[in-house]
Amino acid sequence: MSHRARNIDNNNNQYYYNDDVSWCEQNMIKLIIIICLTIVAIGCSIALAIVYIQDTQRERAFLAKKNTWTARVEQCAPILNIAGPIIKNLIKVAFSVLLI
């Protein structure tokens, strides 16, 4: 929370504030929202990847015939088409919150 001490300058009779609040304290809500959105984006990506990998377990013979990494990239390409826009939108929202 912001803690400001109001003092009066006796010479000018003007108010001034002693602000010794850190940047983290001032932007705590923004940081919490960005962290939550990051966790949601990572969770969505992992959940979609797990579901997709479970669906493709029966295709192990296909993976054994080809280079494993190439085949896995080919197999995960559809999941990236789904997760990509989700992550992109969450990043946009996070930056919008940061700029507010």
PDB file of N, CA and C in Angstrom:
ATOM      1  N   MET A   1       0.822  -1.174   0.000  1.00  0.00           N
ATOM      2  CA  MET A   1       0.000   0.000   0.000  1.00  0.00           C
ATOM      3  C   MET A   1       0.877   1.253   0.000  1.00  0.00           C
ATOM      4  N   SER A   2       0.336   2.280  -0.547  1.00  0.00           N
ATOM      5  CA  SER A   2       1.086   3.525  -0.638  1.00  0.00           C
ATOM      6  C   SER A   2       1.040   4.254   0.699  1.00  0.00           C
ATOM      7  N   HIS A   3       2.205   4.636   1.153  1.00  0.00           N
ATOM      8  CA  HIS A   3       2.287   5.365   2.419  1.00  0.00           C
ATOM      9  C   HIS A   3       3.010   6.674   2.146  1.00  0.00           C
ATOM     10  N   ARG A   4       2.286   7.755   2.270  1.00  0.00           N
ATOM     11  CA  ARG A   4       2.877   9.061   1.995  1.00  0.00           C
ATOM     12  C   ARG A   4       2.711   9.937   3.231  1.00  0.00           C
ATOM     13  N   ALA A   5       3.749  10.623   3.560  1.00  0.00           N
ATOM     14  CA  ALA A   5       3.686  11.550   4.688  1.00  0.00           C
ATOM     15  C   ALA A   5       3.556  12.961   4.138  1.00  0.00           C
ATOM     16  N   ARG A   6       2.522  13.659   4.570  1.00  0.00           N
ATOM     17  CA  ARG A   6       2.296  15.010   4.076  1.00  0.00           C
ATOM     18  C   ARG A   6       2.983  15.988   5.020  1.00  0.00           C
ATOM     19  N   ASN A   7       3.828  16.804   4.464  1.00  0.00           N
ATOM     20  CA  ASN A   7       4.553  17.803   5.239  1.00  0.00           C
ATOM     21  C   ASN A   7       4.281  19.194   4.670  1.00  0.00           C
ATOM     22  N   ILE A   8       4.411  20.163   5.505  1.00  0.00           N
ATOM     23  CA  ILE A   8       4.205  21.540   5.073  1.00  0.00           C
ATOM     24  C   ILE A   8       5.548  22.251   5.082  1.00  0.00           C
ATOM     25  N   ASP A   9       5.859  22.836   3.940  1.00  0.00           N
ATOM     26  CA  ASP A   9       7.069  23.645   3.838  1.00  0.00           C
ATOM     27  C   ASP A   9       6.742  25.001   4.466  1.00  0.00           C
ATOM     28  N   ASN A  10       7.417  25.311   5.573  1.00  0.00           N
ATOM     29  CA  ASN A  10       7.092  26.528   6.322  1.00  0.00           C
ATOM     30  C   ASN A  10       7.388  27.809   5.545  1.00  0.00           C
ATOM     31  N   ASN A  11       8.323  27.764   4.648  1.00  0.00           N
ATOM     32  CA  ASN A  11       8.669  28.960   3.888  1.00  0.00           C
ATOM     33  C   ASN A  11       7.586  29.336   2.881  1.00  0.00           C
ATOM     34  N   ASN A  12       7.068  28.317   2.177  1.00  0.00           N
ATOM     35  CA  ASN A  12       6.129  28.597   1.091  1.00  0.00           C
ATOM     36  C   ASN A  12       4.694  28.235   1.438  1.00  0.00           C
ATOM     37  N   ASN A  13       4.477  27.576   2.567  1.00  0.00           N
ATOM     38  CA  ASN A  13       3.160  27.072   2.940  1.00  0.00           C
ATOM     39  C   ASN A  13       2.581  26.147   1.862  1.00  0.00           C
ATOM     40  N   GLN A  14       3.445  25.315   1.264  1.00  0.00           N
ATOM     41  CA  GLN A  14       3.009  24.367   0.252  1.00  0.00           C
ATOM     42  C   GLN A  14       3.174  22.952   0.801  1.00  0.00           C
ATOM     43  N   TYR A  15       2.304  22.092   0.317  1.00  0.00           N
ATOM     44  CA  TYR A  15       2.385  20.696   0.733  1.00  0.00           C
ATOM     45  C   TYR A  15       3.352  19.957  -0.187  1.00  0.00           C
ATOM     46  N   TYR A  16       4.085  19.039   0.380  1.00  0.00           N
ATOM     47  CA  TYR A  16       4.901  18.140  -0.427  1.00  0.00           C
ATOM     48  C   TYR A  16       4.852  16.768   0.232  1.00  0.00           C
ATOM     49  N   TYR A  17       5.150  15.743  -0.566  1.00  0.00           N
ATOM     50  CA  TYR A  17       5.010  14.370  -0.104  1.00  0.00           C
ATOM     51  C   TYR A  17       6.367  13.681  -0.093  1.00  0.00           C
ATOM     52  N   ASN A  18       6.602  12.933   0.965  1.00  0.00           N
ATOM     53  CA  ASN A  18       7.765  12.054   1.018  1.00  0.00           C
ATOM     54  C   ASN A  18       7.297  10.704   0.501  1.00  0.00           C
ATOM     55  N   ASP A  19       7.717  10.352  -0.682  1.00  0.00           N
ATOM     56  CA  ASP A  19       7.258   9.110  -1.300  1.00  0.00           C
ATOM     57  C   ASP A  19       8.422   8.130  -1.356  1.00  0.00           C
ATOM     58  N   ASP A  20       8.419   7.202  -0.443  1.00  0.00           N
ATOM     59  CA  ASP A  20       9.462   6.189  -0.438  1.00  0.00           C
ATOM     60  C   ASP A  20       8.835   4.815  -0.682  1.00  0.00           C
ATOM     61  N   VAL A  21       7.909   4.765  -1.648  1.00  0.00           N
ATOM     62  CA  VAL A  21       7.247   3.532  -2.018  1.00  0.00           C
ATOM     63  C   VAL A  21       7.986   2.943  -3.212  1.00  0.00           C
ATOM     64  N   SER A  22       8.292   1.665  -3.134  1.00  0.00           N
ATOM     65  CA  SER A  22       9.046   1.022  -4.212  1.00  0.00           C
ATOM     66  C   SER A  22       8.161   0.813  -5.442  1.00  0.00           C
ATOM     67  N   TRP A  23       8.824   0.551  -6.557  1.00  0.00           N
ATOM     68  CA  TRP A  23       8.110   0.311  -7.810  1.00  0.00           C
ATOM     69  C   TRP A  23       7.228  -0.918  -7.680  1.00  0.00           C
ATOM     70  N   CYS A  24       7.721  -1.962  -7.009  1.00  0.00           N
ATOM     71  CA  CYS A  24       6.947  -3.195  -6.842  1.00  0.00           C
ATOM     72  C   CYS A  24       5.668  -2.945  -6.050  1.00  0.00           C
ATOM     73  N   GLU A  25       5.741  -2.124  -5.018  1.00  0.00           N
ATOM     74  CA  GLU A  25       4.556  -1.828  -4.228  1.00  0.00           C
ATOM     75  C   GLU A  25       3.537  -1.031  -5.044  1.00  0.00           C
ATOM     76  N   GLN A  26       4.007  -0.134  -5.882  1.00  0.00           N
ATOM     77  CA  GLN A  26       3.100   0.672  -6.696  1.00  0.00           C
ATOM     78  C   GLN A  26       2.409  -0.153  -7.767  1.00  0.00           C
ATOM     79  N   ASN A  27       3.078  -1.158  -8.272  1.00  0.00           N
ATOM     80  CA  ASN A  27       2.555  -1.938  -9.399  1.00  0.00           C
ATOM     81  C   ASN A  27       2.260  -3.388  -9.016  1.00  0.00           C
ATOM     82  N   MET A  28       1.964  -3.648  -7.766  1.00  0.00           N
ATOM     83  CA  MET A  28       1.749  -5.016  -7.298  1.00  0.00           C
ATOM     84  C   MET A  28       0.583  -5.689  -8.009  1.00  0.00           C
ATOM     85  N   ILE A  29      -0.523  -4.997  -8.210  1.00  0.00           N
ATOM     86  CA  ILE A  29      -1.693  -5.589  -8.878  1.00  0.00           C
ATOM     87  C   ILE A  29      -1.335  -5.972 -10.317  1.00  0.00           C
ATOM     88  N   LYS A  30      -0.635  -5.077 -11.001  1.00  0.00           N
ATOM     89  CA  LYS A  30      -0.234  -5.373 -12.385  1.00  0.00           C
ATOM     90  C   LYS A  30       0.667  -6.599 -12.433  1.00  0.00           C
ATOM     91  N   LEU A  31       1.608  -6.676 -11.511  1.00  0.00           N
ATOM     92  CA  LEU A  31       2.524  -7.818 -11.488  1.00  0.00           C
ATOM     93  C   LEU A  31       1.772  -9.117 -11.205  1.00  0.00           C
ATOM     94  N   ILE A  32       0.822  -9.076 -10.292  1.00  0.00           N
ATOM     95  CA  ILE A  32       0.045 -10.271  -9.973  1.00  0.00           C
ATOM     96  C   ILE A  32      -0.763 -10.723 -11.185  1.00  0.00           C
ATOM     97  N   ILE A  33      -1.383  -9.772 -11.896  1.00  0.00           N
ATOM     98  CA  ILE A  33      -2.168 -10.119 -13.086  1.00  0.00           C
ATOM     99  C   ILE A  33      -1.277 -10.704 -14.167  1.00  0.00           C
ATOM    100  N   ILE A  34      -0.106 -10.112 -14.389  1.00  0.00           N
ATOM    101  CA  ILE A  34       0.807 -10.620 -15.412  1.00  0.00           C
ATOM    102  C   ILE A  34       1.286 -12.018 -15.054  1.00  0.00           C
ATOM    103  N   ILE A  35       1.605 -12.246 -13.790  1.00  0.00           N
ATOM    104  CA  ILE A  35       2.052 -13.573 -13.362  1.00  0.00           C
ATOM    105  C   ILE A  35       0.932 -14.595 -13.541  1.00  0.00           C
ATOM    106  N   CYS A  36      -0.295 -14.227 -13.168  1.00  0.00           N
ATOM    107  CA  CYS A  36      -1.429 -15.140 -13.334  1.00  0.00           C
ATOM    108  C   CYS A  36      -1.672 -15.469 -14.803  1.00  0.00           C
ATOM    109  N   LEU A  37      -1.617 -14.468 -15.668  1.00  0.00           N
ATOM    110  CA  LEU A  37      -1.816 -14.709 -17.098  1.00  0.00           C
ATOM    111  C   LEU A  37      -0.700 -15.576 -17.679  1.00  0.00           C
ATOM    112  N   THR A  38       0.513 -15.379 -17.203  1.00  0.00           N
ATOM    113  CA  THR A  38       1.625 -16.214 -17.657  1.00  0.00           C
ATOM    114  C   THR A  38       1.403 -17.658 -17.240  1.00  0.00           C
ATOM    115  N   ILE A  39       0.966 -17.871 -15.999  1.00  0.00           N
ATOM    116  CA  ILE A  39       0.698 -19.231 -15.524  1.00  0.00           C
ATOM    117  C   ILE A  39      -0.434 -19.863 -16.324  1.00  0.00           C
ATOM    118  N   VAL A  40      -1.472 -19.085 -16.629  1.00  0.00           N
ATOM    119  CA  VAL A  40      -2.590 -19.602 -17.426  1.00  0.00           C
ATOM    120  C   VAL A  40      -2.118 -19.988 -18.833  1.00  0.00           C
ATOM    121  N   ALA A  41      -1.285 -19.143 -19.445  1.00  0.00           N
ATOM    122  CA  ALA A  41      -0.786 -19.441 -20.795  1.00  0.00           C
ATOM    123  C   ALA A  41       0.054 -20.712 -20.801  1.00  0.00           C
ATOM    124  N   ILE A  42       0.931 -20.843 -19.819  1.00  0.00           N
ATOM    125  CA  ILE A  42       1.768 -22.040 -19.741  1.00  0.00           C
ATOM    126  C   ILE A  42       0.900 -23.261 -19.462  1.00  0.00           C
ATOM    127  N   GLY A  43      -0.071 -23.111 -18.558  1.00  0.00           N
ATOM    128  CA  GLY A  43      -0.966 -24.226 -18.247  1.00  0.00           C
ATOM    129  C   GLY A  43      -1.786 -24.665 -19.445  1.00  0.00           C
ATOM    130  N   CYS A  44      -2.305 -23.713 -20.216  1.00  0.00           N
ATOM    131  CA  CYS A  44      -3.074 -24.055 -21.427  1.00  0.00           C
ATOM    132  C   CYS A  44      -2.207 -24.801 -22.425  1.00  0.00           C
ATOM    133  N   SER A  45      -1.009 -24.313 -22.616  1.00  0.00           N
ATOM    134  CA  SER A  45      -0.110 -24.954 -23.575  1.00  0.00           C
ATOM    135  C   SER A  45       0.221 -26.382 -23.148  1.00  0.00           C
ATOM    136  N   ILE A  46       0.522 -26.551 -21.868  1.00  0.00           N
ATOM    137  CA  ILE A  46       0.873 -27.882 -21.378  1.00  0.00           C
ATOM    138  C   ILE A  46      -0.330 -28.816 -21.450  1.00  0.00           C
ATOM    139  N   ALA A  47      -1.501 -28.322 -21.057  1.00  0.00           N
ATOM    140  CA  ALA A  47      -2.701 -29.165 -21.102  1.00  0.00           C
ATOM    141  C   ALA A  47      -3.032 -29.595 -22.524  1.00  0.00           C
ATOM    142  N   LEU A  48      -2.963 -28.660 -23.461  1.00  0.00           N
ATOM    143  CA  LEU A  48      -3.239 -29.007 -24.855  1.00  0.00           C
ATOM    144  C   LEU A  48      -2.207 -29.989 -25.396  1.00  0.00           C
ATOM    145  N   ALA A  49      -0.947 -29.788 -25.021  1.00  0.00           N
ATOM    146  CA  ALA A  49       0.102 -30.700 -25.477  1.00  0.00           C
ATOM    147  C   ALA A  49      -0.102 -32.098 -24.896  1.00  0.00           C
ATOM    148  N   ILE A  50      -0.479 -32.175 -23.625  1.00  0.00           N
ATOM    149  CA  ILE A  50      -0.702 -33.488 -22.997  1.00  0.00           C
ATOM    150  C   ILE A  50      -1.858 -34.213 -23.670  1.00  0.00           C
ATOM    151  N   VAL A  51      -2.945 -33.511 -23.915  1.00  0.00           N
ATOM    152  CA  VAL A  51      -4.099 -34.130 -24.576  1.00  0.00           C
ATOM    153  C   VAL A  51      -3.712 -34.616 -25.964  1.00  0.00           C
ATOM    154  N   TYR A  52      -2.981 -33.794 -26.674  1.00  0.00           N
ATOM    155  CA  TYR A  52      -2.607 -34.172 -28.028  1.00  0.00           C
ATOM    156  C   TYR A  52      -1.648 -35.360 -28.027  1.00  0.00           C
ATOM    157  N   ILE A  53      -0.694 -35.369 -27.119  1.00  0.00           N
ATOM    158  CA  ILE A  53       0.262 -36.485 -27.054  1.00  0.00           C
ATOM    159  C   ILE A  53      -0.452 -37.768 -26.658  1.00  0.00           C
ATOM    160  N   GLN A  54      -1.431 -37.687 -25.750  1.00  0.00           N
ATOM    161  CA  GLN A  54      -2.192 -38.875 -25.386  1.00  0.00           C
ATOM    162  C   GLN A  54      -2.979 -39.406 -26.573  1.00  0.00           C
ATOM    163  N   ASP A  55      -3.503 -38.507 -27.399  1.00  0.00           N
ATOM    164  CA  ASP A  55      -4.247 -38.938 -28.585  1.00  0.00           C
ATOM    165  C   ASP A  55      -3.345 -39.578 -29.628  1.00  0.00           C
ATOM    166  N   THR A  56      -2.080 -39.226 -29.621  1.00  0.00           N
ATOM    167  CA  THR A  56      -1.177 -39.752 -30.642  1.00  0.00           C
ATOM    168  C   THR A  56      -0.323 -40.914 -30.134  1.00  0.00           C
ATOM    169  N   GLN A  57      -0.645 -41.433 -28.959  1.00  0.00           N
ATOM    170  CA  GLN A  57       0.142 -42.552 -28.440  1.00  0.00           C
ATOM    171  C   GLN A  57       0.027 -43.786 -29.331  1.00  0.00           C
ATOM    172  N   ARG A  58      -1.096 -43.958 -29.974  1.00  0.00           N
ATOM    173  CA  ARG A  58      -1.282 -45.133 -30.832  1.00  0.00           C
ATOM    174  C   ARG A  58      -0.461 -45.057 -32.114  1.00  0.00           C
ATOM    175  N   GLU A  59       0.144 -43.919 -32.370  1.00  0.00           N
ATOM    176  CA  GLU A  59       0.933 -43.764 -33.593  1.00  0.00           C
ATOM    177  C   GLU A  59       2.427 -43.930 -33.320  1.00  0.00           C
ATOM    178  N   ARG A  60       2.778 -44.719 -32.319  1.00  0.00           N
ATOM    179  CA  ARG A  60       4.197 -44.905 -31.990  1.00  0.00           C
ATOM    180  C   ARG A  60       4.967 -45.570 -33.127  1.00  0.00           C
ATOM    181  N   ALA A  61       4.323 -46.411 -33.883  1.00  0.00           N
ATOM    182  CA  ALA A  61       5.009 -47.062 -34.995  1.00  0.00           C
ATOM    183  C   ALA A  61       5.472 -46.030 -36.015  1.00  0.00           C
ATOM    184  N   PHE A  62       4.646 -45.030 -36.232  1.00  0.00           N
ATOM    185  CA  PHE A  62       5.014 -43.957 -37.151  1.00  0.00           C
ATOM    186  C   PHE A  62       6.238 -43.202 -36.633  1.00  0.00           C
ATOM    187  N   LEU A  63       6.269 -42.937 -35.333  1.00  0.00           N
ATOM    188  CA  LEU A  63       7.393 -42.212 -34.752  1.00  0.00           C
ATOM    189  C   LEU A  63       8.681 -43.032 -34.804  1.00  0.00           C
ATOM    190  N   ALA A  64       8.561 -44.355 -34.693  1.00  0.00           N
ATOM    191  CA  ALA A  64       9.750 -45.199 -34.705  1.00  0.00           C
ATOM    192  C   ALA A  64      10.384 -45.252 -36.094  1.00  0.00           C
ATOM    193  N   LYS A  65       9.583 -45.079 -37.140  1.00  0.00           N
ATOM    194  CA  LYS A  65      10.108 -45.160 -38.499  1.00  0.00           C
ATOM    195  C   LYS A  65      10.898 -43.923 -38.899  1.00  0.00           C
ATOM    196  N   LYS A  66      10.539 -42.786 -38.343  1.00  0.00           N
ATOM    197  CA  LYS A  66      11.183 -41.540 -38.736  1.00  0.00           C
ATOM    198  C   LYS A  66      12.070 -41.031 -37.616  1.00  0.00           C
ATOM    199  N   ASN A  67      12.789 -39.990 -37.906  1.00  0.00           N
ATOM    200  CA  ASN A  67      13.561 -39.315 -36.877  1.00  0.00           C
ATOM    201  C   ASN A  67      12.584 -38.832 -35.797  1.00  0.00           C
ATOM    202  N   THR A  68      12.874 -39.142 -34.542  1.00  0.00           N
ATOM    203  CA  THR A  68      11.928 -38.882 -33.458  1.00  0.00           C
ATOM    204  C   THR A  68      11.590 -37.402 -33.330  1.00  0.00           C
ATOM    205  N   TRP A  69      12.612 -36.535 -33.368  1.00  0.00           N
ATOM    206  CA  TRP A  69      12.347 -35.103 -33.184  1.00  0.00           C
ATOM    207  C   TRP A  69      11.558 -34.518 -34.343  1.00  0.00           C
ATOM    208  N   THR A  70      11.899 -34.916 -35.552  1.00  0.00           N
ATOM    209  CA  THR A  70      11.160 -34.421 -36.718  1.00  0.00           C
ATOM    210  C   THR A  70       9.707 -34.868 -36.656  1.00  0.00           C
ATOM    211  N   ALA A  71       9.509 -36.124 -36.302  1.00  0.00           N
ATOM    212  CA  ALA A  71       8.148 -36.640 -36.228  1.00  0.00           C
ATOM    213  C   ALA A  71       7.356 -35.952 -35.118  1.00  0.00           C
ATOM    214  N   ARG A  72       7.988 -35.706 -33.992  1.00  0.00           N
ATOM    215  CA  ARG A  72       7.278 -35.048 -32.888  1.00  0.00           C
ATOM    216  C   ARG A  72       6.905 -33.605 -33.255  1.00  0.00           C
ATOM    217  N   VAL A  73       7.808 -32.922 -33.963  1.00  0.00           N
ATOM    218  CA  VAL A  73       7.478 -31.558 -34.399  1.00  0.00           C
ATOM    219  C   VAL A  73       6.304 -31.592 -35.369  1.00  0.00           C
ATOM    220  N   GLU A  74       6.313 -32.550 -36.273  1.00  0.00           N
ATOM    221  CA  GLU A  74       5.193 -32.683 -37.198  1.00  0.00           C
ATOM    222  C   GLU A  74       3.906 -33.030 -36.465  1.00  0.00           C
ATOM    223  N   GLN A  75       4.010 -33.864 -35.442  1.00  0.00           N
ATOM    224  CA  GLN A  75       2.829 -34.251 -34.680  1.00  0.00           C
ATOM    225  C   GLN A  75       2.296 -33.104 -33.825  1.00  0.00           C
ATOM    226  N   CYS A  76       3.182 -32.237 -33.324  1.00  0.00           N
ATOM    227  CA  CYS A  76       2.763 -31.143 -32.439  1.00  0.00           C
ATOM    228  C   CYS A  76       2.388 -29.872 -33.190  1.00  0.00           C
ATOM    229  N   ALA A  77       2.545 -29.853 -34.497  1.00  0.00           N
ATOM    230  CA  ALA A  77       2.213 -28.656 -35.259  1.00  0.00           C
ATOM    231  C   ALA A  77       0.752 -28.228 -35.082  1.00  0.00           C
ATOM    232  N   PRO A  78      -0.216 -29.141 -35.090  1.00  0.00           N
ATOM    233  CA  PRO A  78      -1.611 -28.700 -34.876  1.00  0.00           C
ATOM    234  C   PRO A  78      -1.838 -28.081 -33.498  1.00  0.00           C
ATOM    235  N   ILE A  79      -1.151 -28.579 -32.486  1.00  0.00           N
ATOM    236  CA  ILE A  79      -1.335 -28.027 -31.140  1.00  0.00           C
ATOM    237  C   ILE A  79      -0.792 -26.602 -31.084  1.00  0.00           C
ATOM    238  N   LEU A  80       0.264 -26.330 -31.834  1.00  0.00           N
ATOM    239  CA  LEU A  80       0.802 -24.977 -31.868  1.00  0.00           C
ATOM    240  C   LEU A  80      -0.161 -24.025 -32.565  1.00  0.00           C
ATOM    241  N   ASN A  81      -0.902 -24.531 -33.533  1.00  0.00           N
ATOM    242  CA  ASN A  81      -1.918 -23.704 -34.194  1.00  0.00           C
ATOM    243  C   ASN A  81      -3.031 -23.315 -33.223  1.00  0.00           C
ATOM    244  N   ILE A  82      -3.300 -24.174 -32.245  1.00  0.00           N
ATOM    245  CA  ILE A  82      -4.342 -23.877 -31.256  1.00  0.00           C
ATOM    246  C   ILE A  82      -3.781 -23.017 -30.127  1.00  0.00           C
ATOM    247  N   ALA A  83      -2.623 -23.404 -29.595  1.00  0.00           N
ATOM    248  CA  ALA A  83      -2.056 -22.719 -28.427  1.00  0.00           C
ATOM    249  C   ALA A  83      -1.455 -21.367 -28.790  1.00  0.00           C
ATOM    250  N   GLY A  84      -0.984 -21.218 -30.013  1.00  0.00           N
ATOM    251  CA  GLY A  84      -0.333 -19.971 -30.422  1.00  0.00           C
ATOM    252  C   GLY A  84      -1.210 -18.740 -30.246  1.00  0.00           C
ATOM    253  N   PRO A  85      -2.425 -18.721 -30.801  1.00  0.00           N
ATOM    254  CA  PRO A  85      -3.289 -17.549 -30.619  1.00  0.00           C
ATOM    255  C   PRO A  85      -3.679 -17.297 -29.155  1.00  0.00           C
ATOM    256  N   ILE A  86      -3.831 -18.381 -28.383  1.00  0.00           N
ATOM    257  CA  ILE A  86      -4.174 -18.207 -26.963  1.00  0.00           C
ATOM    258  C   ILE A  86      -3.048 -17.490 -26.247  1.00  0.00           C
ATOM    259  N   ILE A  87      -1.829 -17.957 -26.462  1.00  0.00           N
ATOM    260  CA  ILE A  87      -0.670 -17.346 -25.807  1.00  0.00           C
ATOM    261  C   ILE A  87      -0.484 -15.911 -26.296  1.00  0.00           C
ATOM    262  N   LYS A  88      -0.671 -15.687 -27.580  1.00  0.00           N
ATOM    263  CA  LYS A  88      -0.529 -14.342 -28.149  1.00  0.00           C
ATOM    264  C   LYS A  88      -1.518 -13.374 -27.511  1.00  0.00           C
ATOM    265  N   ASN A  89      -2.769 -13.791 -27.354  1.00  0.00           N
ATOM    266  CA  ASN A  89      -3.775 -12.925 -26.735  1.00  0.00           C
ATOM    267  C   ASN A  89      -3.471 -12.668 -25.271  1.00  0.00           C
ATOM    268  N   LEU A  90      -2.998 -13.677 -24.555  1.00  0.00           N
ATOM    269  CA  LEU A  90      -2.656 -13.484 -23.150  1.00  0.00           C
ATOM    270  C   LEU A  90      -1.479 -12.528 -22.994  1.00  0.00           C
ATOM    271  N   ILE A  91      -0.516 -12.605 -23.906  1.00  0.00           N
ATOM    272  CA  ILE A  91       0.621 -11.673 -23.854  1.00  0.00           C
ATOM    273  C   ILE A  91       0.140 -10.252 -24.139  1.00  0.00           C
ATOM    274  N   LYS A  92      -0.776 -10.084 -25.099  1.00  0.00           N
ATOM    275  CA  LYS A  92      -1.330  -8.754 -25.382  1.00  0.00           C
ATOM    276  C   LYS A  92      -2.026  -8.174 -24.160  1.00  0.00           C
ATOM    277  N   VAL A  93      -2.827  -9.010 -23.490  1.00  0.00           N
ATOM    278  CA  VAL A  93      -3.534  -8.545 -22.296  1.00  0.00           C
ATOM    279  C   VAL A  93      -2.548  -8.178 -21.197  1.00  0.00           C
ATOM    280  N   ALA A  94      -1.507  -8.998 -21.037  1.00  0.00           N
ATOM    281  CA  ALA A  94      -0.507  -8.721 -19.999  1.00  0.00           C
ATOM    282  C   ALA A  94       0.184  -7.392 -20.254  1.00  0.00           C
ATOM    283  N   PHE A  95       0.567  -7.128 -21.492  1.00  0.00           N
ATOM    284  CA  PHE A  95       1.221  -5.856 -21.793  1.00  0.00           C
ATOM    285  C   PHE A  95       0.249  -4.689 -21.659  1.00  0.00           C
ATOM    286  N   SER A  96      -1.017  -4.908 -21.999  1.00  0.00           N
ATOM    287  CA  SER A  96      -2.011  -3.842 -21.824  1.00  0.00           C
ATOM    288  C   SER A  96      -2.170  -3.492 -20.348  1.00  0.00           C
ATOM    289  N   VAL A  97      -2.192  -4.517 -19.505  1.00  0.00           N
ATOM    290  CA  VAL A  97      -2.306  -4.283 -18.065  1.00  0.00           C
ATOM    291  C   VAL A  97      -1.067  -3.558 -17.557  1.00  0.00           C
ATOM    292  N   LEU A  98       0.082  -3.933 -18.065  1.00  0.00           N
ATOM    293  CA  LEU A  98       1.327  -3.296 -17.637  1.00  0.00           C
ATOM    294  C   LEU A  98       1.352  -1.820 -18.009  1.00  0.00           C
ATOM    295  N   LEU A  99       0.778  -1.475 -19.158  1.00  0.00           N
ATOM    296  CA  LEU A  99       0.813  -0.093 -19.623  1.00  0.00           C
ATOM    297  C   LEU A  99      -0.255   0.786 -18.979  1.00  0.00           C
ATOM    298  N   ILE A 100      -1.206   0.171 -18.293  1.00  0.00           N
ATOM    299  CA  ILE A 100      -2.272   0.966 -17.649  1.00  0.00           C
ATOM    300  C   ILE A 100      -1.713   1.737 -16.482  1.00  0.00           C
TER     301      ILE A 100
END
